[in-house]
PDB file of all heavy atoms in Angstrom:
ATOM      1  N   SER A   1     -18.323  76.895 -55.667  1.00  0.00           N
ATOM      2  CA  SER A   1     -19.414  77.307 -54.791  1.00  0.00           C
ATOM      3  C   SER A   1     -19.588  78.815 -54.867  1.00  0.00           C
ATOM      4  O   SER A   1     -18.665  79.540 -55.223  1.00  0.00           O
ATOM      5  CB  SER A   1     -19.160  76.870 -53.350  1.00  0.00           C
ATOM      6  OG  SER A   1     -17.979  77.472 -52.840  1.00  0.00           O
ATOM      7  N   GLY A   2     -20.763  79.279 -54.498  1.00  0.00           N
ATOM      8  CA  GLY A   2     -21.080  80.688 -54.547  1.00  0.00           C
ATOM      9  C   GLY A   2     -22.369  80.925 -55.302  1.00  0.00           C
ATOM     10  O   GLY A   2     -23.148  80.008 -55.545  1.00  0.00           O
ATOM     11  N   SER A   3     -22.576  82.172 -55.675  1.00  0.00           N
ATOM     12  CA  SER A   3     -23.795  82.539 -56.392  1.00  0.00           C
ATOM     13  C   SER A   3     -23.609  82.272 -57.880  1.00  0.00           C
ATOM     14  O   SER A   3     -23.369  83.178 -58.676  1.00  0.00           O
ATOM     15  CB  SER A   3     -24.135  84.004 -56.135  1.00  0.00           C
ATOM     16  OG  SER A   3     -25.395  84.335 -56.697  1.00  0.00           O
ATOM     17  N   ILE A   4     -23.730  81.012 -58.256  1.00  0.00           N
ATOM     18  CA  ILE A   4     -23.441  80.543 -59.604  1.00  0.00           C
ATOM     19  C   ILE A   4     -24.719  80.371 -60.413  1.00  0.00           C
ATOM     20  O   ILE A   4     -25.664  79.727 -59.963  1.00  0.00           O
ATOM     21  CB  ILE A   4     -22.672  79.214 -59.559  1.00  0.00           C
ATOM     22  CG1 ILE A   4     -21.323  79.406 -58.859  1.00  0.00           C
ATOM     23  CG2 ILE A   4     -22.476  78.656 -60.967  1.00  0.00           C
ATOM     24  CD1 ILE A   4     -20.602  78.117 -58.554  1.00  0.00           C
ATOM     25  N   PHE A   5     -24.703  80.937 -61.612  1.00  0.00           N
ATOM     26  CA  PHE A   5     -25.814  80.731 -62.537  1.00  0.00           C
ATOM     27  C   PHE A   5     -25.547  79.537 -63.440  1.00  0.00           C
ATOM     28  O   PHE A   5     -26.441  78.720 -63.669  1.00  0.00           O
ATOM     29  CB  PHE A   5     -26.071  81.995 -63.364  1.00  0.00           C
ATOM     30  CG  PHE A   5     -26.680  83.120 -62.590  1.00  0.00           C
ATOM     31  CD1 PHE A   5     -25.888  84.019 -61.896  1.00  0.00           C
ATOM     32  CD2 PHE A   5     -28.055  83.282 -62.541  1.00  0.00           C
ATOM     33  CE1 PHE A   5     -26.442  85.052 -61.168  1.00  0.00           C
ATOM     34  CE2 PHE A   5     -28.627  84.314 -61.812  1.00  0.00           C
ATOM     35  CZ  PHE A   5     -27.819  85.199 -61.123  1.00  0.00           C
ATOM     36  N   SER A   6     -24.329  79.437 -63.970  1.00  0.00           N
ATOM     37  CA  SER A   6     -23.960  78.314 -64.813  1.00  0.00           C
ATOM     38  C   SER A   6     -22.444  78.276 -64.953  1.00  0.00           C
ATOM     39  O   SER A   6     -21.758  79.262 -64.708  1.00  0.00           O
ATOM     40  CB  SER A   6     -24.619  78.397 -66.194  1.00  0.00           C
ATOM     41  OG  SER A   6     -24.186  79.549 -66.896  1.00  0.00           O
ATOM     42  N   ILE A   7     -21.932  77.115 -65.361  1.00  0.00           N
ATOM     43  CA  ILE A   7     -20.507  76.929 -65.580  1.00  0.00           C
ATOM     44  C   ILE A   7     -20.285  76.415 -66.992  1.00  0.00           C
ATOM     45  O   ILE A   7     -20.895  75.426 -67.394  1.00  0.00           O
ATOM     46  CB  ILE A   7     -19.901  75.946 -64.566  1.00  0.00           C
ATOM     47  CG1 ILE A   7     -20.148  76.431 -63.138  1.00  0.00           C
ATOM     48  CG2 ILE A   7     -18.407  75.771 -64.824  1.00  0.00           C
ATOM     49  CD1 ILE A   7     -19.628  75.491 -62.070  1.00  0.00           C
ATOM     50  N   ASN A   8     -19.427  77.105 -67.724  1.00  0.00           N
ATOM     51  CA  ASN A   8     -19.109  76.672 -69.078  1.00  0.00           C
ATOM     52  C   ASN A   8     -17.976  75.640 -69.038  1.00  0.00           C
ATOM     53  O   ASN A   8     -18.122  74.603 -68.401  1.00  0.00           O
ATOM     54  CB  ASN A   8     -18.756  77.877 -69.945  1.00  0.00           C
ATOM     55  CG  ASN A   8     -19.953  78.801 -70.140  1.00  0.00           C
ATOM     56  OD1 ASN A   8     -21.108  78.372 -70.104  1.00  0.00           O
ATOM     57  ND2 ASN A   8     -19.687  80.077 -70.360  1.00  0.00           N
ATOM     58  N   ASP A   9     -16.860  75.923 -69.698  1.00  0.00           N
ATOM     59  CA  ASP A   9     -15.757  74.970 -69.686  1.00  0.00           C
ATOM     60  C   ASP A   9     -15.115  74.860 -68.310  1.00  0.00           C
ATOM     61  O   ASP A   9     -15.035  75.829 -67.557  1.00  0.00           O
ATOM     62  CB  ASP A   9     -14.678  75.380 -70.691  1.00  0.00           C
ATOM     63  CG  ASP A   9     -15.103  75.195 -72.130  1.00  0.00           C
ATOM     64  OD1 ASP A   9     -16.272  74.842 -72.379  1.00  0.00           O
ATOM     65  OD2 ASP A   9     -14.252  75.395 -73.019  1.00  0.00           O
ATOM     66  N   MET A  10     -14.637  73.666 -67.992  1.00  0.00           N
ATOM     67  CA  MET A  10     -13.840  73.422 -66.800  1.00  0.00           C
ATOM     68  C   MET A  10     -12.603  72.652 -67.235  1.00  0.00           C
ATOM     69  O   MET A  10     -12.639  71.923 -68.229  1.00  0.00           O
ATOM     70  CB  MET A  10     -14.608  72.627 -65.747  1.00  0.00           C
ATOM     71  CG  MET A  10     -15.931  73.247 -65.337  1.00  0.00           C
ATOM     72  SD  MET A  10     -16.782  72.327 -64.013  1.00  0.00           S
ATOM     73  CE  MET A  10     -15.898  72.944 -62.566  1.00  0.00           C
ATOM     74  N   GLY A  11     -11.523  72.806 -66.491  1.00  0.00           N
ATOM     75  CA  GLY A  11     -10.318  72.106 -66.886  1.00  0.00           C
ATOM     76  C   GLY A  11      -9.291  71.990 -65.792  1.00  0.00           C
ATOM     77  O   GLY A  11      -9.443  72.547 -64.699  1.00  0.00           O
ATOM     78  N   TRP A  12      -8.259  71.230 -66.106  1.00  0.00           N
ATOM     79  CA  TRP A  12      -7.124  71.047 -65.223  1.00  0.00           C
ATOM     80  C   TRP A  12      -5.850  71.447 -65.950  1.00  0.00           C
ATOM     81  O   TRP A  12      -5.648  71.085 -67.118  1.00  0.00           O
ATOM     82  CB  TRP A  12      -6.997  69.594 -64.757  1.00  0.00           C
ATOM     83  CG  TRP A  12      -8.086  69.167 -63.830  1.00  0.00           C
ATOM     84  CD1 TRP A  12      -9.261  68.549 -64.150  1.00  0.00           C
ATOM     85  CD2 TRP A  12      -8.103  69.337 -62.410  1.00  0.00           C
ATOM     86  NE1 TRP A  12     -10.008  68.320 -63.023  1.00  0.00           N
ATOM     87  CE2 TRP A  12      -9.320  68.794 -61.936  1.00  0.00           C
ATOM     88  CE3 TRP A  12      -7.218  69.885 -61.487  1.00  0.00           C
ATOM     89  CZ2 TRP A  12      -9.667  68.786 -60.584  1.00  0.00           C
ATOM     90  CZ3 TRP A  12      -7.563  69.881 -60.142  1.00  0.00           C
ATOM     91  CH2 TRP A  12      -8.768  69.333 -59.709  1.00  0.00           C
ATOM     92  N   TYR A  13      -4.989  72.189 -65.257  1.00  0.00           N
ATOM     93  CA  TYR A  13      -3.684  72.590 -65.747  1.00  0.00           C
ATOM     94  C   TYR A  13      -2.645  72.197 -64.709  1.00  0.00           C
ATOM     95  O   TYR A  13      -2.967  71.974 -63.546  1.00  0.00           O
ATOM     96  CB  TYR A  13      -3.635  74.099 -65.988  1.00  0.00           C
ATOM     97  CG  TYR A  13      -4.574  74.583 -67.071  1.00  0.00           C
ATOM     98  CD1 TYR A  13      -5.939  74.699 -66.842  1.00  0.00           C
ATOM     99  CD2 TYR A  13      -4.085  74.925 -68.335  1.00  0.00           C
ATOM    100  CE1 TYR A  13      -6.802  75.136 -67.835  1.00  0.00           C
ATOM    101  CE2 TYR A  13      -4.941  75.371 -69.328  1.00  0.00           C
ATOM    102  CZ  TYR A  13      -6.293  75.473 -69.074  1.00  0.00           C
ATOM    103  OH  TYR A  13      -7.141  75.912 -70.064  1.00  0.00           O
ATOM    104  N   ARG A  14      -1.397  72.115 -65.129  1.00  0.00           N
ATOM    105  CA  ARG A  14      -0.345  71.798 -64.169  1.00  0.00           C
ATOM    106  C   ARG A  14       0.917  72.582 -64.487  1.00  0.00           C
ATOM    107  O   ARG A  14       1.141  73.009 -65.616  1.00  0.00           O
ATOM    108  CB  ARG A  14      -0.041  70.297 -64.155  1.00  0.00           C
ATOM    109  CG  ARG A  14       0.593  69.752 -65.424  1.00  0.00           C
ATOM    110  CD  ARG A  14       0.712  68.234 -65.347  1.00  0.00           C
ATOM    111  NE  ARG A  14       1.364  67.677 -66.525  1.00  0.00           N
ATOM    112  CZ  ARG A  14       1.483  66.376 -66.779  1.00  0.00           C
ATOM    113  NH1 ARG A  14       0.988  65.485 -65.919  1.00  0.00           N
ATOM    114  NH2 ARG A  14       2.093  65.963 -67.879  1.00  0.00           N
ATOM    115  N   GLN A  15       1.731  72.762 -63.462  1.00  0.00           N
ATOM    116  CA  GLN A  15       2.985  73.469 -63.615  1.00  0.00           C
ATOM    117  C   GLN A  15       4.031  72.838 -62.711  1.00  0.00           C
ATOM    118  O   GLN A  15       3.848  72.739 -61.507  1.00  0.00           O
ATOM    119  CB  GLN A  15       2.835  74.952 -63.283  1.00  0.00           C
ATOM    120  CG  GLN A  15       4.075  75.770 -63.577  1.00  0.00           C
ATOM    121  CD  GLN A  15       3.807  77.264 -63.541  1.00  0.00           C
ATOM    122  OE1 GLN A  15       2.740  77.705 -63.120  1.00  0.00           O
ATOM    123  NE2 GLN A  15       4.767  78.048 -63.981  1.00  0.00           N
ATOM    124  N   ALA A  16       5.118  72.400 -63.322  1.00  0.00           N
ATOM    125  CA  ALA A  16       6.254  71.852 -62.604  1.00  0.00           C
ATOM    126  C   ALA A  16       7.363  72.897 -62.558  1.00  0.00           C
ATOM    127  O   ALA A  16       7.393  73.810 -63.388  1.00  0.00           O
ATOM    128  CB  ALA A  16       6.751  70.578 -63.276  1.00  0.00           C
ATOM    129  N   PRO A  17       8.293  72.778 -61.598  1.00  0.00           N
ATOM    130  CA  PRO A  17       9.396  73.735 -61.532  1.00  0.00           C
ATOM    131  C   PRO A  17      10.143  73.817 -62.854  1.00  0.00           C
ATOM    132  O   PRO A  17      10.411  72.799 -63.493  1.00  0.00           O
ATOM    133  CB  PRO A  17      10.283  73.163 -60.423  1.00  0.00           C
ATOM    134  CG  PRO A  17       9.334  72.414 -59.547  1.00  0.00           C
ATOM    135  CD  PRO A  17       8.335  71.807 -60.493  1.00  0.00           C
ATOM    136  N   GLU A  18      10.451  75.024 -63.262  1.00  0.00           N
ATOM    137  CA  GLU A  18      11.182  75.303 -64.500  1.00  0.00           C
ATOM    138  C   GLU A  18      10.375  74.998 -65.758  1.00  0.00           C
ATOM    139  O   GLU A  18      10.926  75.018 -66.863  1.00  0.00           O
ATOM    140  CB  GLU A  18      12.516  74.554 -64.535  1.00  0.00           C
ATOM    141  CG  GLU A  18      13.411  74.817 -63.334  1.00  0.00           C
ATOM    142  CD  GLU A  18      13.763  76.279 -63.188  1.00  0.00           C
ATOM    143  OE1 GLU A  18      14.041  76.936 -64.211  1.00  0.00           O
ATOM    144  OE2 GLU A  18      13.764  76.775 -62.040  1.00  0.00           O
ATOM    145  N   ASN A  19       9.095  74.729 -65.602  1.00  0.00           N
ATOM    146  CA  ASN A  19       8.226  74.482 -66.751  1.00  0.00           C
ATOM    147  C   ASN A  19       7.121  75.519 -66.833  1.00  0.00           C
ATOM    148  O   ASN A  19       6.731  76.126 -65.832  1.00  0.00           O
ATOM    149  CB  ASN A  19       7.602  73.086 -66.668  1.00  0.00           C
ATOM    150  CG  ASN A  19       8.576  71.978 -66.960  1.00  0.00           C
ATOM    151  OD1 ASN A  19       9.500  71.724 -66.189  1.00  0.00           O
ATOM    152  ND2 ASN A  19       8.375  71.301 -68.090  1.00  0.00           N
ATOM    153  N   GLU A  20       6.604  75.699 -68.034  1.00  0.00           N
ATOM    154  CA  GLU A  20       5.450  76.563 -68.228  1.00  0.00           C
ATOM    155  C   GLU A  20       4.184  75.830 -67.790  1.00  0.00           C
ATOM    156  O   GLU A  20       4.134  74.598 -67.781  1.00  0.00           O
ATOM    157  CB  GLU A  20       5.325  76.963 -69.699  1.00  0.00           C
ATOM    158  CG  GLU A  20       6.490  77.754 -70.258  1.00  0.00           C
ATOM    159  CD  GLU A  20       6.545  79.165 -69.722  1.00  0.00           C
ATOM    160  OE1 GLU A  20       5.491  79.689 -69.314  1.00  0.00           O
ATOM    161  OE2 GLU A  20       7.641  79.750 -69.704  1.00  0.00           O
ATOM    162  N   ARG A  21       3.176  76.595 -67.423  1.00  0.00           N
ATOM    163  CA  ARG A  21       1.885  75.998 -67.149  1.00  0.00           C
ATOM    164  C   ARG A  21       1.372  75.325 -68.421  1.00  0.00           C
ATOM    165  O   ARG A  21       1.474  75.890 -69.522  1.00  0.00           O
ATOM    166  CB  ARG A  21       0.889  77.064 -66.693  1.00  0.00           C
ATOM    167  CG  ARG A  21      -0.484  76.502 -66.300  1.00  0.00           C
ATOM    168  CD  ARG A  21      -1.515  77.598 -66.181  1.00  0.00           C
ATOM    169  NE  ARG A  21      -1.813  78.181 -67.491  1.00  0.00           N
ATOM    170  CZ  ARG A  21      -2.668  79.181 -67.695  1.00  0.00           C
ATOM    171  NH1 ARG A  21      -3.302  79.728 -66.655  1.00  0.00           N
ATOM    172  NH2 ARG A  21      -2.881  79.638 -68.919  1.00  0.00           N
ATOM    173  N   GLU A  22       0.837  74.135 -68.279  1.00  0.00           N
ATOM    174  CA  GLU A  22       0.352  73.417 -69.440  1.00  0.00           C
ATOM    175  C   GLU A  22      -1.033  72.840 -69.194  1.00  0.00           C
ATOM    176  O   GLU A  22      -1.397  72.499 -68.066  1.00  0.00           O
ATOM    177  CB  GLU A  22       1.320  72.289 -69.829  1.00  0.00           C
ATOM    178  CG  GLU A  22       1.457  71.192 -68.785  1.00  0.00           C
ATOM    179  CD  GLU A  22       2.353  70.059 -69.239  1.00  0.00           C
ATOM    180  OE1 GLU A  22       2.858  70.102 -70.385  1.00  0.00           O
ATOM    181  OE2 GLU A  22       2.568  69.116 -68.448  1.00  0.00           O
ATOM    182  N   LEU A  23      -1.777  72.740 -70.267  1.00  0.00           N
ATOM    183  CA  LEU A  23      -3.093  72.124 -70.209  1.00  0.00           C
ATOM    184  C   LEU A  23      -2.960  70.628 -69.978  1.00  0.00           C
ATOM    185  O   LEU A  23      -2.163  69.956 -70.630  1.00  0.00           O
ATOM    186  CB  LEU A  23      -3.848  72.369 -71.517  1.00  0.00           C
ATOM    187  CG  LEU A  23      -5.153  71.590 -71.697  1.00  0.00           C
ATOM    188  CD1 LEU A  23      -6.228  72.119 -70.747  1.00  0.00           C
ATOM    189  CD2 LEU A  23      -5.632  71.668 -73.143  1.00  0.00           C
ATOM    190  N   VAL A  24      -3.748  70.114 -69.055  1.00  0.00           N
ATOM    191  CA  VAL A  24      -3.848  68.678 -68.845  1.00  0.00           C
ATOM    192  C   VAL A  24      -5.082  68.140 -69.569  1.00  0.00           C
ATOM    193  O   VAL A  24      -4.989  67.239 -70.399  1.00  0.00           O
ATOM    194  CB  VAL A  24      -3.908  68.319 -67.354  1.00  0.00           C
ATOM    195  CG1 VAL A  24      -4.065  66.808 -67.163  1.00  0.00           C
ATOM    196  CG2 VAL A  24      -2.649  68.821 -66.647  1.00  0.00           C
ATOM    197  N   ALA A  25      -6.238  68.702 -69.251  1.00  0.00           N
ATOM    198  CA  ALA A  25      -7.479  68.291 -69.891  1.00  0.00           C
ATOM    199  C   ALA A  25      -8.553  69.335 -69.653  1.00  0.00           C
ATOM    200  O   ALA A  25      -8.521  70.048 -68.649  1.00  0.00           O
ATOM    201  CB  ALA A  25      -7.952  66.930 -69.355  1.00  0.00           C
ATOM    202  N   ARG A  26      -9.494  69.423 -70.586  1.00  0.00           N
ATOM    203  CA  ARG A  26     -10.626  70.320 -70.436  1.00  0.00           C
ATOM    204  C   ARG A  26     -11.901  69.593 -70.817  1.00  0.00           C
ATOM    205  O   ARG A  26     -11.884  68.623 -71.585  1.00  0.00           O
ATOM    206  CB  ARG A  26     -10.473  71.578 -71.303  1.00  0.00           C
ATOM    207  CG  ARG A  26      -9.380  72.514 -70.843  1.00  0.00           C
ATOM    208  CD  ARG A  26      -9.473  73.866 -71.524  1.00  0.00           C
ATOM    209  NE  ARG A  26     -10.665  74.610 -71.135  1.00  0.00           N
ATOM    210  CZ  ARG A  26     -10.798  75.314 -70.006  1.00  0.00           C
ATOM    211  NH1 ARG A  26      -9.789  75.363 -69.138  1.00  0.00           N
ATOM    212  NH2 ARG A  26     -11.915  75.961 -69.756  1.00  0.00           N
ATOM    213  N   ILE A  27     -13.027  70.091 -70.298  1.00  0.00           N
ATOM    214  CA  ILE A  27     -14.326  69.501 -70.587  1.00  0.00           C
ATOM    215  C   ILE A  27     -15.361  70.612 -70.690  1.00  0.00           C
ATOM    216  O   ILE A  27     -15.393  71.530 -69.873  1.00  0.00           O
ATOM    217  CB  ILE A  27     -14.713  68.457 -69.510  1.00  0.00           C
ATOM    218  CG1 ILE A  27     -16.032  67.774 -69.867  1.00  0.00           C
ATOM    219  CG2 ILE A  27     -14.766  69.090 -68.122  1.00  0.00           C
ATOM    220  CD1 ILE A  27     -16.304  66.545 -69.009  1.00  0.00           C
ATOM    221  N   THR A  28     -16.204  70.546 -71.720  1.00  0.00           N
ATOM    222  CA  THR A  28     -17.239  71.549 -71.907  1.00  0.00           C
ATOM    223  C   THR A  28     -18.455  71.214 -71.063  1.00  0.00           C
ATOM    224  O   THR A  28     -18.561  70.142 -70.468  1.00  0.00           O
ATOM    225  CB  THR A  28     -17.653  71.639 -73.380  1.00  0.00           C
ATOM    226  OG1 THR A  28     -18.354  70.449 -73.752  1.00  0.00           O
ATOM    227  CG2 THR A  28     -16.439  71.822 -74.283  1.00  0.00           C
ATOM    228  N   SER A  29     -19.396  72.150 -71.020  1.00  0.00           N
ATOM    229  CA  SER A  29     -20.621  71.911 -70.276  1.00  0.00           C
ATOM    230  C   SER A  29     -21.408  70.741 -70.851  1.00  0.00           C
ATOM    231  O   SER A  29     -22.177  70.104 -70.128  1.00  0.00           O
ATOM    232  CB  SER A  29     -21.493  73.168 -70.258  1.00  0.00           C
ATOM    233  OG  SER A  29     -21.864  73.559 -71.570  1.00  0.00           O
ATOM    234  N   GLY A  30     -21.222  70.467 -72.138  1.00  0.00           N
ATOM    235  CA  GLY A  30     -21.897  69.360 -72.784  1.00  0.00           C
ATOM    236  C   GLY A  30     -21.170  68.037 -72.689  1.00  0.00           C
ATOM    237  O   GLY A  30     -21.683  67.018 -73.158  1.00  0.00           O
ATOM    238  N   GLY A  31     -19.965  68.039 -72.112  1.00  0.00           N
ATOM    239  CA  GLY A  31     -19.243  66.799 -71.907  1.00  0.00           C
ATOM    240  C   GLY A  31     -18.156  66.486 -72.916  1.00  0.00           C
ATOM    241  O   GLY A  31     -17.514  65.435 -72.819  1.00  0.00           O
TER     242      GLY A  31
END
């Protein structure tokens, strides 16, 4: 939310204790 013109890629990442942040999934504006 906010004064948004457009959104490019969106994604989800996760981090468990003692682990590095890792990519879960990403999606482009085109799907």
